[in-house]
């Protein structure tokens, strides 16, 4: 009789990563991380007047902004913000930011 090899359970993080990769969802999840990390990426002042909403498949980040004045300011700083967002190695780049007035 042969002895059955005992295998260790796969850690949930590994299983999830494997599933996301196999299902083709990994890139979408990585892209969505920008929304989760928004406050850390832009700092407390900008995070206090904005709300990252979603990133589309074409690399457009939609961000809600509290006032027209802030929207104008952030539009002028878009290049700088894109540089911060895209600084993480291996991240699918965000190509542009679309600012929307929060209601």
N, C-alpha and C. Protein backbone atom coordinates (compact mmCIF):
# COMPACT_ATOMS: atom_id res chain seq x y z
N UNK A 1 0.82 -1.19 0.00
CA UNK A 1 0.00 0.00 0.00
C UNK A 1 0.87 1.26 0.00
N UNK A 2 0.52 2.20 -0.82
CA UNK A 2 1.29 3.44 -0.83
C UNK A 2 0.72 4.41 0.18
N UNK A 3 1.60 5.18 0.72
CA UNK A 3 1.20 6.15 1.73
C UNK A 3 0.71 7.42 1.04
N UNK A 4 -0.44 7.94 1.46
CA UNK A 4 -0.97 9.19 0.89
C UNK A 4 -0.14 10.36 1.38
N UNK A 5 0.25 11.20 0.46
CA UNK A 5 0.97 12.41 0.86
C UNK A 5 -0.02 13.42 1.38
N UNK A 6 0.32 14.00 2.49
CA UNK A 6 -0.52 15.06 3.03
C UNK A 6 -0.05 16.38 2.42
N UNK A 7 -0.99 17.12 1.93
CA UNK A 7 -0.65 18.43 1.38
C UNK A 7 -1.17 19.50 2.33
N UNK A 8 -0.43 20.55 2.39
CA UNK A 8 -0.86 21.65 3.27
C UNK A 8 -1.92 22.46 2.54
N UNK A 9 -2.83 23.03 3.28
CA UNK A 9 -3.86 23.87 2.65
C UNK A 9 -3.20 25.09 1.99
N UNK A 10 -3.78 25.52 0.92
CA UNK A 10 -3.29 26.72 0.24
C UNK A 10 -3.76 27.95 0.99
N UNK A 11 -2.84 28.86 1.33
CA UNK A 11 -3.26 30.10 1.99
C UNK A 11 -4.27 30.85 1.11
N UNK A 12 -5.23 31.50 1.75
CA UNK A 12 -6.31 32.17 1.03
C UNK A 12 -5.78 33.22 0.06
N UNK A 13 -4.74 33.93 0.43
CA UNK A 13 -4.16 34.94 -0.46
C UNK A 13 -3.65 34.34 -1.76
N UNK A 14 -2.98 33.18 -1.64
CA UNK A 14 -2.47 32.50 -2.84
C UNK A 14 -3.63 31.99 -3.71
N UNK A 15 -4.64 31.42 -3.04
CA UNK A 15 -5.79 30.89 -3.77
C UNK A 15 -6.52 32.01 -4.51
N UNK A 16 -6.70 33.14 -3.86
CA UNK A 16 -7.38 34.27 -4.47
C UNK A 16 -6.58 34.82 -5.65
N UNK A 17 -5.29 34.98 -5.45
CA UNK A 17 -4.44 35.47 -6.53
C UNK A 17 -4.50 34.54 -7.73
N UNK A 18 -4.44 33.25 -7.47
CA UNK A 18 -4.51 32.26 -8.54
C UNK A 18 -5.85 32.34 -9.27
N UNK A 19 -6.93 32.46 -8.51
CA UNK A 19 -8.26 32.58 -9.12
C UNK A 19 -8.37 33.83 -9.98
N UNK A 20 -7.92 34.98 -9.44
CA UNK A 20 -8.01 36.24 -10.18
C UNK A 20 -7.22 36.16 -11.48
N UNK A 21 -6.04 35.57 -11.41
CA UNK A 21 -5.21 35.44 -12.61
C UNK A 21 -5.89 34.54 -13.63
N UNK A 22 -6.40 33.39 -13.18
CA UNK A 22 -7.03 32.43 -14.08
C UNK A 22 -8.32 32.97 -14.70
N UNK A 23 -9.05 33.80 -13.94
CA UNK A 23 -10.32 34.32 -14.43
C UNK A 23 -10.17 35.59 -15.26
N UNK A 24 -8.96 36.14 -15.29
CA UNK A 24 -8.74 37.37 -16.05
C UNK A 24 -9.17 38.63 -15.31
N UNK A 25 -9.43 38.50 -14.02
CA UNK A 25 -9.90 39.65 -13.23
C UNK A 25 -8.77 40.40 -12.53
N UNK A 26 -7.57 39.84 -12.51
CA UNK A 26 -6.47 40.44 -11.74
C UNK A 26 -6.19 41.88 -12.15
N UNK A 27 -6.17 42.15 -13.45
CA UNK A 27 -5.88 43.51 -13.92
C UNK A 27 -6.94 44.49 -13.44
N UNK A 28 -8.21 44.08 -13.46
CA UNK A 28 -9.30 44.96 -13.00
C UNK A 28 -9.17 45.24 -11.51
N UNK A 29 -8.81 44.23 -10.74
CA UNK A 29 -8.64 44.41 -9.29
C UNK A 29 -7.46 45.34 -9.01
N UNK A 30 -6.36 45.14 -9.72
CA UNK A 30 -5.20 46.01 -9.55
C UNK A 30 -5.55 47.45 -9.90
N UNK A 31 -6.31 47.63 -10.98
CA UNK A 31 -6.72 48.97 -11.38
C UNK A 31 -7.59 49.61 -10.30
N UNK A 32 -8.47 48.82 -9.70
CA UNK A 32 -9.37 49.34 -8.66
C UNK A 32 -8.61 49.72 -7.39
N UNK A 33 -7.41 49.20 -7.20
CA UNK A 33 -6.61 49.56 -6.01
C UNK A 33 -6.38 51.06 -5.93
N UNK A 34 -6.33 51.72 -7.06
CA UNK A 34 -6.14 53.18 -7.07
C UNK A 34 -7.25 53.85 -6.27
N UNK A 35 -8.47 53.36 -6.41
CA UNK A 35 -9.61 53.93 -5.67
C UNK A 35 -9.40 53.72 -4.16
N UNK A 36 -8.96 52.53 -3.79
CA UNK A 36 -8.72 52.21 -2.37
C UNK A 36 -7.58 53.05 -1.81
N UNK A 37 -6.53 53.25 -2.60
CA UNK A 37 -5.34 53.96 -2.14
C UNK A 37 -5.39 55.47 -2.37
N UNK A 38 -6.48 55.98 -2.90
CA UNK A 38 -6.58 57.39 -3.30
C UNK A 38 -6.07 58.35 -2.24
N UNK A 39 -6.55 58.25 -1.02
CA UNK A 39 -6.16 59.20 0.04
C UNK A 39 -4.65 59.18 0.28
N UNK A 40 -4.06 58.00 0.29
CA UNK A 40 -2.62 57.90 0.51
C UNK A 40 -1.84 58.46 -0.68
N UNK A 41 -2.38 58.31 -1.87
CA UNK A 41 -1.70 58.77 -3.07
C UNK A 41 -1.71 60.29 -3.21
N UNK A 42 -2.82 60.93 -2.82
CA UNK A 42 -2.96 62.37 -3.06
C UNK A 42 -2.77 63.22 -1.82
N UNK A 43 -2.77 62.61 -0.65
CA UNK A 43 -2.59 63.36 0.59
C UNK A 43 -3.91 63.81 1.19
N UNK A 44 -3.86 64.20 2.47
CA UNK A 44 -5.09 64.51 3.20
C UNK A 44 -5.87 65.72 2.69
N UNK A 45 -5.18 66.74 2.21
CA UNK A 45 -5.89 67.95 1.75
C UNK A 45 -6.76 67.64 0.53
N UNK A 46 -6.18 66.99 -0.46
CA UNK A 46 -6.94 66.65 -1.67
C UNK A 46 -7.97 65.57 -1.36
N UNK A 47 -7.58 64.58 -0.56
CA UNK A 47 -8.51 63.51 -0.19
C UNK A 47 -9.73 64.07 0.54
N UNK A 48 -9.55 65.16 1.27
CA UNK A 48 -10.65 65.76 2.02
C UNK A 48 -11.72 66.41 1.15
N UNK A 49 -11.38 66.71 -0.09
CA UNK A 49 -12.34 67.39 -0.98
C UNK A 49 -12.68 66.55 -2.21
N UNK A 50 -12.21 65.32 -2.23
CA UNK A 50 -12.45 64.45 -3.39
C UNK A 50 -12.90 63.07 -2.95
N UNK A 51 -13.38 62.32 -3.93
CA UNK A 51 -13.79 60.93 -3.71
C UNK A 51 -13.51 60.16 -5.00
N UNK A 52 -12.49 59.28 -4.95
CA UNK A 52 -12.20 58.45 -6.11
C UNK A 52 -13.35 57.46 -6.26
N UNK A 53 -13.82 57.30 -7.50
CA UNK A 53 -15.02 56.48 -7.71
C UNK A 53 -14.74 55.17 -8.44
N UNK A 54 -14.13 55.25 -9.60
CA UNK A 54 -13.90 54.04 -10.39
C UNK A 54 -12.80 54.29 -11.42
N UNK A 55 -12.23 53.20 -11.91
CA UNK A 55 -11.27 53.26 -13.01
C UNK A 55 -11.82 52.38 -14.12
N UNK A 56 -11.95 52.94 -15.31
CA UNK A 56 -12.50 52.20 -16.44
C UNK A 56 -11.42 51.35 -17.11
N UNK A 57 -11.86 50.46 -17.97
CA UNK A 57 -10.94 49.57 -18.69
C UNK A 57 -9.94 50.34 -19.55
N UNK A 58 -10.33 51.53 -20.01
CA UNK A 58 -9.41 52.31 -20.85
C UNK A 58 -8.45 53.17 -20.03
N UNK A 59 -8.47 53.03 -18.69
CA UNK A 59 -7.52 53.75 -17.84
C UNK A 59 -7.97 55.13 -17.40
N UNK A 60 -9.26 55.39 -17.42
CA UNK A 60 -9.78 56.68 -16.95
C UNK A 60 -10.24 56.54 -15.51
N UNK A 61 -9.71 57.39 -14.65
CA UNK A 61 -10.10 57.43 -13.23
C UNK A 61 -11.14 58.53 -13.06
N UNK A 62 -12.29 58.18 -12.51
CA UNK A 62 -13.34 59.16 -12.23
C UNK A 62 -13.26 59.55 -10.77
N UNK A 63 -13.20 60.86 -10.52
CA UNK A 63 -13.06 61.38 -9.17
C UNK A 63 -14.10 62.47 -8.94
N UNK A 64 -14.85 62.35 -7.86
CA UNK A 64 -15.80 63.38 -7.48
C UNK A 64 -15.07 64.47 -6.70
N UNK A 65 -15.46 65.73 -6.94
CA UNK A 65 -14.83 66.88 -6.30
C UNK A 65 -15.93 67.75 -5.69
N UNK A 66 -15.67 68.30 -4.50
CA UNK A 66 -16.69 69.06 -3.77
C UNK A 66 -17.05 70.41 -4.38
N UNK A 67 -16.08 71.12 -4.97
CA UNK A 67 -16.38 72.46 -5.49
C UNK A 67 -15.77 72.66 -6.88
N UNK A 68 -16.30 73.64 -7.60
CA UNK A 68 -15.75 73.98 -8.91
C UNK A 68 -14.32 74.50 -8.79
N UNK A 69 -14.05 75.25 -7.73
CA UNK A 69 -12.70 75.78 -7.52
C UNK A 69 -11.67 74.66 -7.39
N UNK A 70 -11.99 73.66 -6.57
CA UNK A 70 -11.10 72.52 -6.43
C UNK A 70 -10.99 71.74 -7.74
N UNK A 71 -12.07 71.64 -8.47
CA UNK A 71 -12.05 70.93 -9.74
C UNK A 71 -11.06 71.60 -10.69
N UNK A 72 -11.08 72.91 -10.73
CA UNK A 72 -10.16 73.64 -11.60
C UNK A 72 -8.72 73.44 -11.14
N UNK A 73 -8.48 73.56 -9.84
CA UNK A 73 -7.14 73.37 -9.28
C UNK A 73 -6.59 71.98 -9.61
N UNK A 74 -7.43 70.97 -9.38
CA UNK A 74 -6.99 69.59 -9.61
C UNK A 74 -6.79 69.30 -11.09
N UNK A 75 -7.59 69.91 -11.94
CA UNK A 75 -7.40 69.76 -13.38
C UNK A 75 -6.02 70.25 -13.80
N UNK A 76 -5.59 71.35 -13.20
CA UNK A 76 -4.27 71.90 -13.51
C UNK A 76 -3.15 71.01 -12.95
N UNK A 77 -3.44 70.25 -11.91
CA UNK A 77 -2.43 69.39 -11.28
C UNK A 77 -2.55 67.92 -11.74
N UNK A 78 -3.32 67.67 -12.78
CA UNK A 78 -3.58 66.30 -13.21
C UNK A 78 -2.29 65.54 -13.55
N UNK A 79 -1.37 66.16 -14.24
CA UNK A 79 -0.11 65.49 -14.59
C UNK A 79 0.64 65.02 -13.36
N UNK A 80 0.72 65.89 -12.37
CA UNK A 80 1.39 65.56 -11.12
C UNK A 80 0.70 64.39 -10.42
N UNK A 81 -0.62 64.44 -10.37
CA UNK A 81 -1.39 63.38 -9.71
C UNK A 81 -1.25 62.06 -10.46
N UNK A 82 -1.27 62.10 -11.77
CA UNK A 82 -1.07 60.88 -12.55
C UNK A 82 0.30 60.27 -12.29
N UNK A 83 1.29 61.13 -12.16
CA UNK A 83 2.64 60.65 -11.86
C UNK A 83 2.66 59.91 -10.51
N UNK A 84 2.02 60.48 -9.50
CA UNK A 84 1.95 59.83 -8.18
C UNK A 84 1.21 58.49 -8.26
N UNK A 85 0.08 58.50 -8.94
CA UNK A 85 -0.75 57.29 -9.06
C UNK A 85 0.00 56.18 -9.77
N UNK A 86 0.72 56.53 -10.82
CA UNK A 86 1.37 55.54 -11.66
C UNK A 86 2.79 55.19 -11.21
N UNK A 87 3.23 55.72 -10.08
CA UNK A 87 4.58 55.46 -9.59
C UNK A 87 4.78 54.04 -9.09
N UNK A 88 3.70 53.36 -8.71
CA UNK A 88 3.82 52.00 -8.19
C UNK A 88 4.22 51.05 -9.32
N UNK A 89 5.34 50.33 -9.16
CA UNK A 89 5.78 49.41 -10.22
C UNK A 89 4.75 48.31 -10.49
N UNK A 90 4.56 48.01 -11.75
CA UNK A 90 3.68 46.92 -12.14
C UNK A 90 2.20 47.28 -12.22
N UNK A 91 1.85 48.48 -11.79
CA UNK A 91 0.45 48.89 -11.84
C UNK A 91 0.06 49.25 -13.26
N UNK A 92 -1.12 48.82 -13.68
CA UNK A 92 -1.64 49.24 -14.96
C UNK A 92 -1.86 50.75 -14.88
N UNK A 93 -1.27 51.51 -15.78
CA UNK A 93 -1.32 52.96 -15.63
C UNK A 93 -2.71 53.56 -15.81
N UNK A 94 -2.96 54.57 -15.00
CA UNK A 94 -4.14 55.42 -15.20
C UNK A 94 -3.72 56.45 -16.23
N UNK A 95 -4.50 56.62 -17.28
CA UNK A 95 -4.12 57.50 -18.38
C UNK A 95 -4.65 58.92 -18.22
N UNK A 96 -5.80 59.04 -17.59
CA UNK A 96 -6.40 60.37 -17.41
C UNK A 96 -7.36 60.34 -16.23
N UNK A 97 -7.64 61.54 -15.73
CA UNK A 97 -8.58 61.69 -14.63
C UNK A 97 -9.74 62.55 -15.11
N UNK A 98 -10.93 62.11 -14.84
CA UNK A 98 -12.13 62.89 -15.15
C UNK A 98 -12.72 63.35 -13.83
N UNK A 99 -12.82 64.65 -13.70
CA UNK A 99 -13.31 65.26 -12.46
C UNK A 99 -14.81 65.51 -12.59
N UNK A 100 -15.56 65.13 -11.56
CA UNK A 100 -17.01 65.31 -11.54
C UNK A 100 -17.41 66.02 -10.24
N UNK A 101 -18.33 66.92 -10.34
CA UNK A 101 -18.79 67.63 -9.14
C UNK A 101 -19.61 66.68 -8.28
N UNK A 102 -19.26 66.59 -7.00
CA UNK A 102 -20.03 65.75 -6.06
C UNK A 102 -21.37 66.40 -5.83
N UNK A 103 -22.41 65.61 -5.75
CA UNK A 103 -23.76 66.14 -5.52
C UNK A 103 -24.24 65.75 -4.16
